[in-house]
N, C-alpha and C. Protein backbone atom coordinates (compact mmCIF):
# COMPACT_ATOMS: atom_id res chain seq x y z
N MET A 1 -17.37 -14.37 -60.66
CA MET A 1 -18.03 -14.25 -59.38
C MET A 1 -17.01 -14.26 -58.25
N LYS A 2 -15.99 -15.16 -58.34
CA LYS A 2 -14.97 -15.22 -57.30
C LYS A 2 -14.18 -13.92 -57.24
N LEU A 3 -13.90 -13.32 -58.39
CA LEU A 3 -13.15 -12.07 -58.41
C LEU A 3 -13.95 -10.96 -57.74
N THR A 4 -15.25 -10.89 -57.99
CA THR A 4 -16.11 -9.88 -57.38
C THR A 4 -16.15 -10.07 -55.86
N ALA A 5 -16.28 -11.32 -55.40
CA ALA A 5 -16.30 -11.61 -53.98
C ALA A 5 -14.97 -11.25 -53.34
N THR A 6 -13.87 -11.55 -54.02
CA THR A 6 -12.55 -11.23 -53.50
C THR A 6 -12.37 -9.73 -53.39
N ILE A 7 -12.82 -8.99 -54.41
CA ILE A 7 -12.71 -7.52 -54.38
C ILE A 7 -13.57 -6.96 -53.24
N GLY A 8 -14.76 -7.53 -53.07
CA GLY A 8 -15.66 -7.08 -51.99
C GLY A 8 -15.06 -7.32 -50.62
N ILE A 9 -14.48 -8.49 -50.43
CA ILE A 9 -13.83 -8.81 -49.15
C ILE A 9 -12.64 -7.89 -48.91
N ALA A 10 -11.86 -7.64 -49.94
CA ALA A 10 -10.71 -6.76 -49.83
C ALA A 10 -11.15 -5.34 -49.46
N ALA A 11 -12.25 -4.90 -50.06
CA ALA A 11 -12.76 -3.56 -49.75
C ALA A 11 -13.18 -3.46 -48.29
N VAL A 12 -13.83 -4.49 -47.78
CA VAL A 12 -14.25 -4.50 -46.38
C VAL A 12 -13.04 -4.49 -45.46
N VAL A 13 -12.02 -5.28 -45.79
CA VAL A 13 -10.80 -5.33 -44.99
C VAL A 13 -10.09 -3.98 -45.00
N VAL A 14 -9.97 -3.36 -46.17
CA VAL A 14 -9.31 -2.06 -46.28
C VAL A 14 -10.10 -1.01 -45.51
N ALA A 15 -11.44 -1.02 -45.64
CA ALA A 15 -12.28 -0.05 -44.92
C ALA A 15 -12.15 -0.26 -43.41
N GLY A 16 -12.11 -1.50 -42.99
CA GLY A 16 -11.96 -1.80 -41.56
C GLY A 16 -10.61 -1.34 -41.05
N ALA A 17 -9.56 -1.55 -41.83
CA ALA A 17 -8.23 -1.13 -41.43
C ALA A 17 -8.15 0.39 -41.38
N ALA A 18 -8.81 1.05 -42.33
CA ALA A 18 -8.79 2.51 -42.36
C ALA A 18 -9.52 3.07 -41.14
N SER A 19 -10.66 2.47 -40.79
CA SER A 19 -11.39 2.98 -39.63
C SER A 19 -10.63 2.66 -38.35
N ALA A 20 -9.93 1.54 -38.30
CA ALA A 20 -9.14 1.19 -37.12
C ALA A 20 -7.95 2.13 -36.97
N ALA A 21 -7.46 2.70 -38.09
CA ALA A 21 -6.31 3.59 -38.06
C ALA A 21 -6.70 5.00 -37.64
N GLN A 22 -7.99 5.33 -37.57
CA GLN A 22 -8.43 6.65 -37.16
C GLN A 22 -8.06 6.87 -35.70
N PRO A 23 -7.54 8.05 -35.39
CA PRO A 23 -7.20 8.30 -33.99
C PRO A 23 -8.48 8.38 -33.15
N ALA A 24 -8.33 8.02 -31.89
CA ALA A 24 -9.46 8.10 -30.97
C ALA A 24 -9.86 9.56 -30.83
N PRO A 25 -11.15 9.84 -30.71
CA PRO A 25 -11.57 11.23 -30.56
C PRO A 25 -11.05 11.81 -29.25
N LEU A 26 -10.73 13.10 -29.27
CA LEU A 26 -10.31 13.76 -28.04
C LEU A 26 -11.50 13.82 -27.10
N ASN A 27 -11.27 13.55 -25.86
CA ASN A 27 -12.28 13.61 -24.82
C ASN A 27 -13.50 12.74 -25.13
N PRO A 28 -13.29 11.45 -25.38
CA PRO A 28 -14.41 10.59 -25.75
C PRO A 28 -15.46 10.45 -24.64
N LEU A 29 -15.08 10.75 -23.40
CA LEU A 29 -16.04 10.67 -22.29
C LEU A 29 -16.70 12.02 -22.01
N GLU A 30 -16.36 13.04 -22.83
CA GLU A 30 -16.94 14.39 -22.70
C GLU A 30 -16.76 14.93 -21.28
N LEU A 31 -15.53 14.85 -20.78
CA LEU A 31 -15.22 15.29 -19.42
C LEU A 31 -15.08 16.80 -19.35
N SER A 32 -15.43 17.37 -18.22
CA SER A 32 -15.20 18.77 -17.92
C SER A 32 -14.94 18.88 -16.42
N PRO A 33 -14.29 19.96 -15.98
CA PRO A 33 -13.96 20.08 -14.56
C PRO A 33 -15.21 20.10 -13.68
N HIS A 34 -15.13 19.48 -12.51
CA HIS A 34 -16.23 19.50 -11.55
C HIS A 34 -15.73 20.00 -10.19
N HIS A 35 -14.77 19.26 -9.60
CA HIS A 35 -14.20 19.71 -8.33
C HIS A 35 -12.88 19.02 -8.06
N VAL A 36 -12.14 19.60 -7.13
CA VAL A 36 -10.96 18.96 -6.56
C VAL A 36 -11.20 18.91 -5.05
N ALA A 37 -10.52 18.01 -4.38
CA ALA A 37 -10.63 17.91 -2.93
C ALA A 37 -9.25 18.07 -2.32
N ILE A 38 -9.20 18.78 -1.22
CA ILE A 38 -7.94 19.02 -0.53
C ILE A 38 -8.10 18.59 0.93
N SER A 39 -7.21 17.75 1.40
CA SER A 39 -7.15 17.40 2.81
C SER A 39 -6.41 18.53 3.51
N VAL A 40 -7.04 19.12 4.52
CA VAL A 40 -6.45 20.26 5.21
C VAL A 40 -6.35 19.97 6.71
N ALA A 41 -5.46 20.68 7.38
CA ALA A 41 -5.32 20.52 8.83
C ALA A 41 -6.23 21.48 9.59
N ASN A 42 -6.60 22.62 8.96
CA ASN A 42 -7.45 23.60 9.64
C ASN A 42 -8.51 24.09 8.66
N LEU A 43 -9.69 23.50 8.72
CA LEU A 43 -10.77 23.81 7.80
C LEU A 43 -11.20 25.27 7.87
N ASP A 44 -11.27 25.82 9.07
CA ASP A 44 -11.75 27.19 9.23
C ASP A 44 -10.80 28.19 8.56
N VAL A 45 -9.51 28.04 8.78
CA VAL A 45 -8.53 28.94 8.18
C VAL A 45 -8.54 28.81 6.66
N GLU A 46 -8.55 27.58 6.18
CA GLU A 46 -8.52 27.35 4.73
C GLU A 46 -9.78 27.89 4.05
N SER A 47 -10.96 27.59 4.58
CA SER A 47 -12.20 28.06 3.94
C SER A 47 -12.28 29.58 3.96
N ALA A 48 -11.81 30.22 5.02
CA ALA A 48 -11.80 31.69 5.08
C ALA A 48 -10.87 32.26 4.01
N TRP A 49 -9.72 31.62 3.77
CA TRP A 49 -8.78 32.10 2.76
C TRP A 49 -9.39 31.97 1.36
N TYR A 50 -9.98 30.83 1.04
CA TYR A 50 -10.57 30.65 -0.29
C TYR A 50 -11.72 31.63 -0.53
N ALA A 51 -12.46 31.97 0.53
CA ALA A 51 -13.53 32.96 0.40
C ALA A 51 -12.98 34.36 0.22
N LYS A 52 -12.05 34.77 1.09
CA LYS A 52 -11.53 36.14 1.05
C LYS A 52 -10.66 36.40 -0.15
N VAL A 53 -9.71 35.53 -0.39
CA VAL A 53 -8.70 35.79 -1.42
C VAL A 53 -9.23 35.49 -2.82
N LEU A 54 -9.92 34.36 -3.00
CA LEU A 54 -10.34 33.96 -4.34
C LEU A 54 -11.83 34.16 -4.61
N GLY A 55 -12.59 34.52 -3.60
CA GLY A 55 -14.01 34.80 -3.82
C GLY A 55 -14.90 33.58 -3.90
N PHE A 56 -14.43 32.43 -3.40
CA PHE A 56 -15.26 31.23 -3.36
C PHE A 56 -16.33 31.40 -2.28
N GLU A 57 -17.48 30.78 -2.50
CA GLU A 57 -18.58 30.81 -1.53
C GLU A 57 -18.71 29.43 -0.89
N LYS A 58 -18.88 29.40 0.42
CA LYS A 58 -19.12 28.13 1.11
C LYS A 58 -20.58 27.76 0.89
N VAL A 59 -20.82 26.63 0.21
CA VAL A 59 -22.19 26.25 -0.14
C VAL A 59 -22.67 25.00 0.59
N PHE A 60 -21.78 24.32 1.28
CA PHE A 60 -22.17 23.10 1.98
C PHE A 60 -21.14 22.82 3.05
N SER A 61 -21.61 22.38 4.20
CA SER A 61 -20.72 21.96 5.29
C SER A 61 -21.21 20.63 5.84
N SER A 62 -20.27 19.83 6.31
CA SER A 62 -20.64 18.56 6.94
C SER A 62 -19.68 18.28 8.09
N GLN A 63 -20.16 17.50 9.03
CA GLN A 63 -19.31 17.11 10.15
C GLN A 63 -19.84 15.81 10.72
N ASP A 64 -18.92 14.89 11.00
CA ASP A 64 -19.27 13.68 11.73
C ASP A 64 -18.05 13.30 12.56
N ALA A 65 -18.13 12.18 13.23
CA ALA A 65 -17.03 11.76 14.11
C ALA A 65 -15.73 11.65 13.32
N GLY A 66 -14.77 12.46 13.68
CA GLY A 66 -13.44 12.34 13.09
C GLY A 66 -13.19 13.16 11.85
N GLN A 67 -14.21 13.79 11.25
CA GLN A 67 -13.94 14.61 10.08
C GLN A 67 -15.00 15.68 9.89
N LYS A 68 -14.58 16.75 9.24
CA LYS A 68 -15.53 17.78 8.83
C LYS A 68 -15.05 18.34 7.50
N GLY A 69 -15.96 18.93 6.77
CA GLY A 69 -15.60 19.44 5.46
C GLY A 69 -16.56 20.49 4.97
N CYS A 70 -16.20 21.10 3.86
CA CYS A 70 -17.09 22.07 3.22
C CYS A 70 -16.79 22.13 1.73
N TRP A 71 -17.77 22.60 0.99
CA TRP A 71 -17.61 22.82 -0.44
C TRP A 71 -17.48 24.32 -0.66
N MET A 72 -16.40 24.71 -1.32
CA MET A 72 -16.17 26.11 -1.70
C MET A 72 -16.43 26.21 -3.20
N TRP A 73 -17.29 27.14 -3.62
CA TRP A 73 -17.80 27.13 -4.98
C TRP A 73 -17.69 28.49 -5.65
N ILE A 74 -17.35 28.46 -6.94
CA ILE A 74 -17.54 29.57 -7.87
C ILE A 74 -18.28 28.96 -9.05
N PRO A 75 -19.02 29.74 -9.83
CA PRO A 75 -19.74 29.14 -10.95
C PRO A 75 -18.80 28.32 -11.84
N GLY A 76 -19.13 27.05 -12.00
CA GLY A 76 -18.37 26.16 -12.87
C GLY A 76 -17.30 25.32 -12.20
N PHE A 77 -17.04 25.56 -10.90
CA PHE A 77 -15.96 24.81 -10.26
C PHE A 77 -16.14 24.81 -8.74
N ARG A 78 -15.70 23.71 -8.12
CA ARG A 78 -15.82 23.57 -6.68
C ARG A 78 -14.53 22.99 -6.10
N ILE A 79 -14.15 23.47 -4.92
CA ILE A 79 -13.04 22.90 -4.16
C ILE A 79 -13.61 22.37 -2.86
N ASP A 80 -13.42 21.07 -2.61
CA ASP A 80 -13.88 20.45 -1.37
C ASP A 80 -12.72 20.45 -0.39
N LEU A 81 -12.91 21.07 0.75
CA LEU A 81 -11.91 21.08 1.81
C LEU A 81 -12.33 20.06 2.85
N MET A 82 -11.44 19.15 3.19
CA MET A 82 -11.74 18.08 4.14
C MET A 82 -10.70 18.06 5.24
N GLN A 83 -11.16 18.10 6.49
CA GLN A 83 -10.27 18.01 7.65
C GLN A 83 -10.61 16.74 8.40
N GLN A 84 -9.62 15.88 8.54
CA GLN A 84 -9.80 14.65 9.32
C GLN A 84 -9.01 14.78 10.61
N LYS A 85 -9.53 14.20 11.66
CA LYS A 85 -8.87 14.28 12.96
C LYS A 85 -7.42 13.82 12.83
N GLY A 86 -6.50 14.68 13.27
CA GLY A 86 -5.08 14.34 13.26
C GLY A 86 -4.38 14.59 11.94
N SER A 87 -5.08 15.11 10.92
CA SER A 87 -4.41 15.31 9.64
C SER A 87 -3.42 16.46 9.71
N SER A 88 -2.31 16.30 9.02
CA SER A 88 -1.30 17.34 8.93
C SER A 88 -0.44 17.07 7.71
N ARG A 89 0.21 18.13 7.24
CA ARG A 89 1.11 17.98 6.10
C ARG A 89 2.44 17.45 6.63
N ILE A 90 2.76 16.23 6.26
CA ILE A 90 4.00 15.61 6.74
C ILE A 90 5.17 16.04 5.86
N ASP A 91 4.96 16.01 4.56
CA ASP A 91 6.02 16.33 3.61
C ASP A 91 6.08 17.85 3.42
N LYS A 92 7.12 18.49 3.90
CA LYS A 92 7.24 19.95 3.84
C LYS A 92 7.97 20.43 2.58
N ARG A 93 8.42 19.49 1.73
CA ARG A 93 9.10 19.91 0.51
C ARG A 93 8.15 20.67 -0.40
N VAL A 94 8.67 21.54 -1.24
CA VAL A 94 7.83 22.31 -2.16
C VAL A 94 8.05 21.83 -3.59
N GLY A 95 7.15 22.23 -4.46
CA GLY A 95 7.29 21.92 -5.88
C GLY A 95 7.04 20.46 -6.20
N VAL A 96 7.63 20.00 -7.30
CA VAL A 96 7.34 18.66 -7.80
C VAL A 96 7.90 17.55 -6.93
N MET A 97 8.74 17.88 -5.96
CA MET A 97 9.28 16.85 -5.06
C MET A 97 8.29 16.47 -3.97
N ARG A 98 7.27 17.30 -3.75
CA ARG A 98 6.27 17.03 -2.72
C ARG A 98 5.23 16.07 -3.28
N GLN A 99 4.92 15.04 -2.56
CA GLN A 99 3.87 14.11 -3.00
C GLN A 99 2.51 14.72 -2.70
N GLY A 100 1.53 14.33 -3.47
CA GLY A 100 0.18 14.84 -3.29
C GLY A 100 -0.12 15.92 -4.30
N TRP A 101 -1.11 16.73 -4.01
CA TRP A 101 -1.55 17.75 -4.94
C TRP A 101 -0.50 18.83 -5.07
N LEU A 102 -0.06 19.13 -6.27
CA LEU A 102 0.92 20.19 -6.50
C LEU A 102 0.24 21.54 -6.58
N HIS A 103 -0.75 21.67 -7.47
CA HIS A 103 -1.50 22.92 -7.53
C HIS A 103 -2.76 22.75 -8.36
N VAL A 104 -3.65 23.73 -8.21
CA VAL A 104 -4.84 23.82 -9.05
C VAL A 104 -4.71 25.12 -9.83
N SER A 105 -5.15 25.09 -11.09
CA SER A 105 -5.04 26.26 -11.94
C SER A 105 -6.43 26.71 -12.37
N LEU A 106 -6.71 27.98 -12.16
CA LEU A 106 -7.95 28.60 -12.60
C LEU A 106 -7.56 29.70 -13.59
N GLN A 107 -8.46 30.06 -14.49
CA GLN A 107 -8.13 31.12 -15.43
C GLN A 107 -9.03 32.33 -15.21
N THR A 108 -8.53 33.51 -15.58
CA THR A 108 -9.28 34.74 -15.41
C THR A 108 -9.02 35.67 -16.59
N PRO A 109 -10.06 36.37 -17.08
CA PRO A 109 -9.86 37.34 -18.15
C PRO A 109 -9.35 38.68 -17.60
N ILE A 110 -9.26 38.82 -16.27
CA ILE A 110 -8.83 40.09 -15.66
C ILE A 110 -7.57 39.86 -14.83
N ILE A 111 -6.55 39.30 -15.45
CA ILE A 111 -5.35 38.91 -14.72
C ILE A 111 -4.66 40.10 -14.04
N GLU A 112 -4.61 41.26 -14.71
CA GLU A 112 -3.97 42.43 -14.11
C GLU A 112 -4.75 42.91 -12.89
N ALA A 113 -6.09 42.97 -13.00
CA ALA A 113 -6.92 43.37 -11.87
C ALA A 113 -6.83 42.35 -10.74
N ALA A 114 -6.74 41.07 -11.10
CA ALA A 114 -6.59 40.02 -10.09
C ALA A 114 -5.30 40.22 -9.31
N LEU A 115 -4.21 40.53 -10.02
CA LEU A 115 -2.93 40.78 -9.35
C LEU A 115 -3.04 41.97 -8.41
N ALA A 116 -3.67 43.05 -8.85
CA ALA A 116 -3.81 44.23 -8.00
C ALA A 116 -4.63 43.90 -6.75
N ARG A 117 -5.70 43.13 -6.89
CA ARG A 117 -6.54 42.76 -5.74
C ARG A 117 -5.76 41.88 -4.77
N LEU A 118 -5.03 40.90 -5.30
CA LEU A 118 -4.26 40.00 -4.44
C LEU A 118 -3.21 40.78 -3.65
N ARG A 119 -2.51 41.68 -4.33
CA ARG A 119 -1.48 42.47 -3.64
C ARG A 119 -2.11 43.39 -2.59
N ALA A 120 -3.28 43.97 -2.90
CA ALA A 120 -3.97 44.82 -1.93
C ALA A 120 -4.39 44.02 -0.70
N ASP A 121 -4.67 42.73 -0.89
CA ASP A 121 -5.03 41.85 0.23
C ASP A 121 -3.81 41.32 0.96
N GLY A 122 -2.61 41.69 0.52
CA GLY A 122 -1.39 41.25 1.18
C GLY A 122 -0.97 39.83 0.83
N VAL A 123 -1.50 39.29 -0.26
CA VAL A 123 -1.16 37.93 -0.66
C VAL A 123 0.19 37.95 -1.39
N GLN A 124 1.09 37.06 -1.02
CA GLN A 124 2.36 36.93 -1.72
C GLN A 124 2.11 36.20 -3.04
N VAL A 125 2.45 36.85 -4.13
CA VAL A 125 2.16 36.32 -5.47
C VAL A 125 3.42 36.34 -6.31
N GLN A 126 3.69 35.21 -6.98
CA GLN A 126 4.75 35.17 -7.98
C GLN A 126 4.10 35.47 -9.32
N VAL A 127 4.70 36.37 -10.10
CA VAL A 127 4.16 36.77 -11.39
C VAL A 127 5.05 36.22 -12.49
N TYR A 128 4.44 35.51 -13.44
CA TYR A 128 5.15 34.99 -14.61
C TYR A 128 4.60 35.69 -15.84
N LYS A 129 5.53 36.16 -16.71
CA LYS A 129 5.11 36.92 -17.89
C LYS A 129 5.58 36.25 -19.17
N TYR A 130 4.83 36.52 -20.23
CA TYR A 130 5.25 36.13 -21.57
C TYR A 130 6.43 37.02 -21.98
N THR A 131 7.09 36.67 -23.07
CA THR A 131 8.23 37.47 -23.54
C THR A 131 7.78 38.87 -23.96
N ASN A 132 6.50 39.06 -24.30
CA ASN A 132 6.02 40.39 -24.68
C ASN A 132 5.63 41.25 -23.47
N GLY A 133 5.83 40.72 -22.25
CA GLY A 133 5.56 41.47 -21.05
C GLY A 133 4.18 41.27 -20.45
N ARG A 134 3.27 40.65 -21.18
CA ARG A 134 1.93 40.40 -20.63
C ARG A 134 2.01 39.32 -19.55
N ILE A 135 1.13 39.42 -18.57
CA ILE A 135 1.11 38.43 -17.48
C ILE A 135 0.55 37.12 -18.01
N MET A 136 1.28 36.04 -17.78
CA MET A 136 0.84 34.70 -18.15
C MET A 136 0.07 34.06 -17.00
N ARG A 137 0.67 34.12 -15.79
CA ARG A 137 0.05 33.46 -14.65
C ARG A 137 0.56 34.05 -13.35
N LEU A 138 -0.24 33.81 -12.31
CA LEU A 138 0.09 34.21 -10.96
C LEU A 138 0.08 32.95 -10.10
N ILE A 139 1.07 32.82 -9.23
CA ILE A 139 1.16 31.66 -8.35
C ILE A 139 1.16 32.15 -6.91
N MET A 140 0.32 31.49 -6.08
CA MET A 140 0.28 31.81 -4.65
C MET A 140 0.03 30.52 -3.90
N GLU A 141 0.13 30.60 -2.59
CA GLU A 141 -0.16 29.42 -1.75
C GLU A 141 -1.23 29.78 -0.74
N ASP A 142 -2.10 28.81 -0.46
CA ASP A 142 -3.08 29.00 0.61
C ASP A 142 -2.34 28.85 1.94
N PRO A 143 -3.00 29.07 3.07
CA PRO A 143 -2.29 29.03 4.36
C PRO A 143 -1.54 27.74 4.67
N GLU A 144 -1.94 26.62 4.06
CA GLU A 144 -1.26 25.35 4.34
C GLU A 144 -0.27 24.96 3.26
N GLY A 145 -0.03 25.83 2.29
CA GLY A 145 0.99 25.57 1.28
C GLY A 145 0.48 24.94 0.00
N ASN A 146 -0.84 24.76 -0.17
CA ASN A 146 -1.36 24.26 -1.44
C ASN A 146 -1.25 25.37 -2.47
N GLN A 147 -0.66 25.06 -3.60
CA GLN A 147 -0.40 26.06 -4.61
C GLN A 147 -1.63 26.32 -5.48
N VAL A 148 -1.93 27.60 -5.68
CA VAL A 148 -3.03 28.02 -6.52
C VAL A 148 -2.47 28.89 -7.64
N GLU A 149 -2.85 28.57 -8.87
CA GLU A 149 -2.41 29.33 -10.04
C GLU A 149 -3.61 30.03 -10.64
N LEU A 150 -3.43 31.31 -10.97
CA LEU A 150 -4.41 32.03 -11.78
C LEU A 150 -3.74 32.26 -13.13
N HIS A 151 -4.35 31.75 -14.17
CA HIS A 151 -3.79 31.82 -15.52
C HIS A 151 -4.56 32.84 -16.33
N ALA A 152 -3.84 33.58 -17.16
CA ALA A 152 -4.50 34.56 -18.02
C ALA A 152 -5.47 33.84 -18.95
N TYR A 153 -6.69 34.33 -19.03
CA TYR A 153 -7.76 33.72 -19.84
C TYR A 153 -7.34 33.65 -21.30
N GLN A 154 -7.53 32.48 -21.89
CA GLN A 154 -7.12 32.27 -23.29
C GLN A 154 -8.32 32.09 -24.21
N GLY A 155 -9.50 32.49 -23.79
CA GLY A 155 -10.66 32.39 -24.65
C GLY A 155 -11.47 31.13 -24.44
N GLY A 156 -11.30 30.45 -23.34
CA GLY A 156 -12.09 29.26 -23.07
C GLY A 156 -11.22 28.16 -22.53
N PRO A 157 -11.79 26.97 -22.38
CA PRO A 157 -11.02 25.84 -21.88
C PRO A 157 -9.87 25.49 -22.82
N ALA A 158 -8.84 24.89 -22.28
CA ALA A 158 -7.71 24.48 -23.11
C ALA A 158 -8.18 23.51 -24.18
N VAL A 159 -7.86 23.80 -25.43
CA VAL A 159 -8.24 22.91 -26.52
C VAL A 159 -7.03 22.26 -27.17
N THR A 160 -5.86 22.80 -26.91
CA THR A 160 -4.63 22.24 -27.44
C THR A 160 -3.64 22.11 -26.29
N PRO A 161 -3.09 20.92 -26.05
CA PRO A 161 -2.13 20.75 -24.96
C PRO A 161 -0.96 21.72 -25.11
N GLY A 162 -0.58 22.35 -24.02
CA GLY A 162 0.58 23.22 -24.03
C GLY A 162 0.34 24.58 -24.66
N TYR A 163 -0.91 24.96 -24.90
CA TYR A 163 -1.22 26.21 -25.58
C TYR A 163 -0.88 27.39 -24.69
N HIS A 164 0.12 28.16 -25.08
CA HIS A 164 0.52 29.37 -24.35
C HIS A 164 0.86 30.46 -25.35
N PRO A 165 -0.13 31.22 -25.84
CA PRO A 165 0.20 32.30 -26.77
C PRO A 165 0.97 33.39 -26.04
N GLY A 166 1.80 34.07 -26.70
CA GLY A 166 2.53 35.12 -26.02
C GLY A 166 3.10 36.07 -26.97
């Protein structure tokens, strides 16, 4: 009887250790993108740029003492632009040395057509390509220097970190 109890306890301990050794599931909170918010110095200029250049629609506006804002929307994603009295970009450095939001990345299945449209609109765009010559991503800045990336569509949301077929 003691041997059976000992084997049973050992089995429970081994099973518990095995389940504890299982990696945590990816995305246990089932997160998906909803929105980002950008503090801007000129709400009107910024919202006009997001509408004209990227095709976002203004779906909500608010204003009270000292601040105003709006929601710029495309199906599946929203950018909230917020202007507070006296706000300005203090840090003029570019890239990873600048504190705050570095960039937002959106993906498109029509990367070549997107590039043609952006250039036709006079938008300055940096083009990055894979070694096979296909466009990987386009980088541009809104009027206040917030970086926007358009990434070539990879068949859905990123499922593997660092996934860049080329």
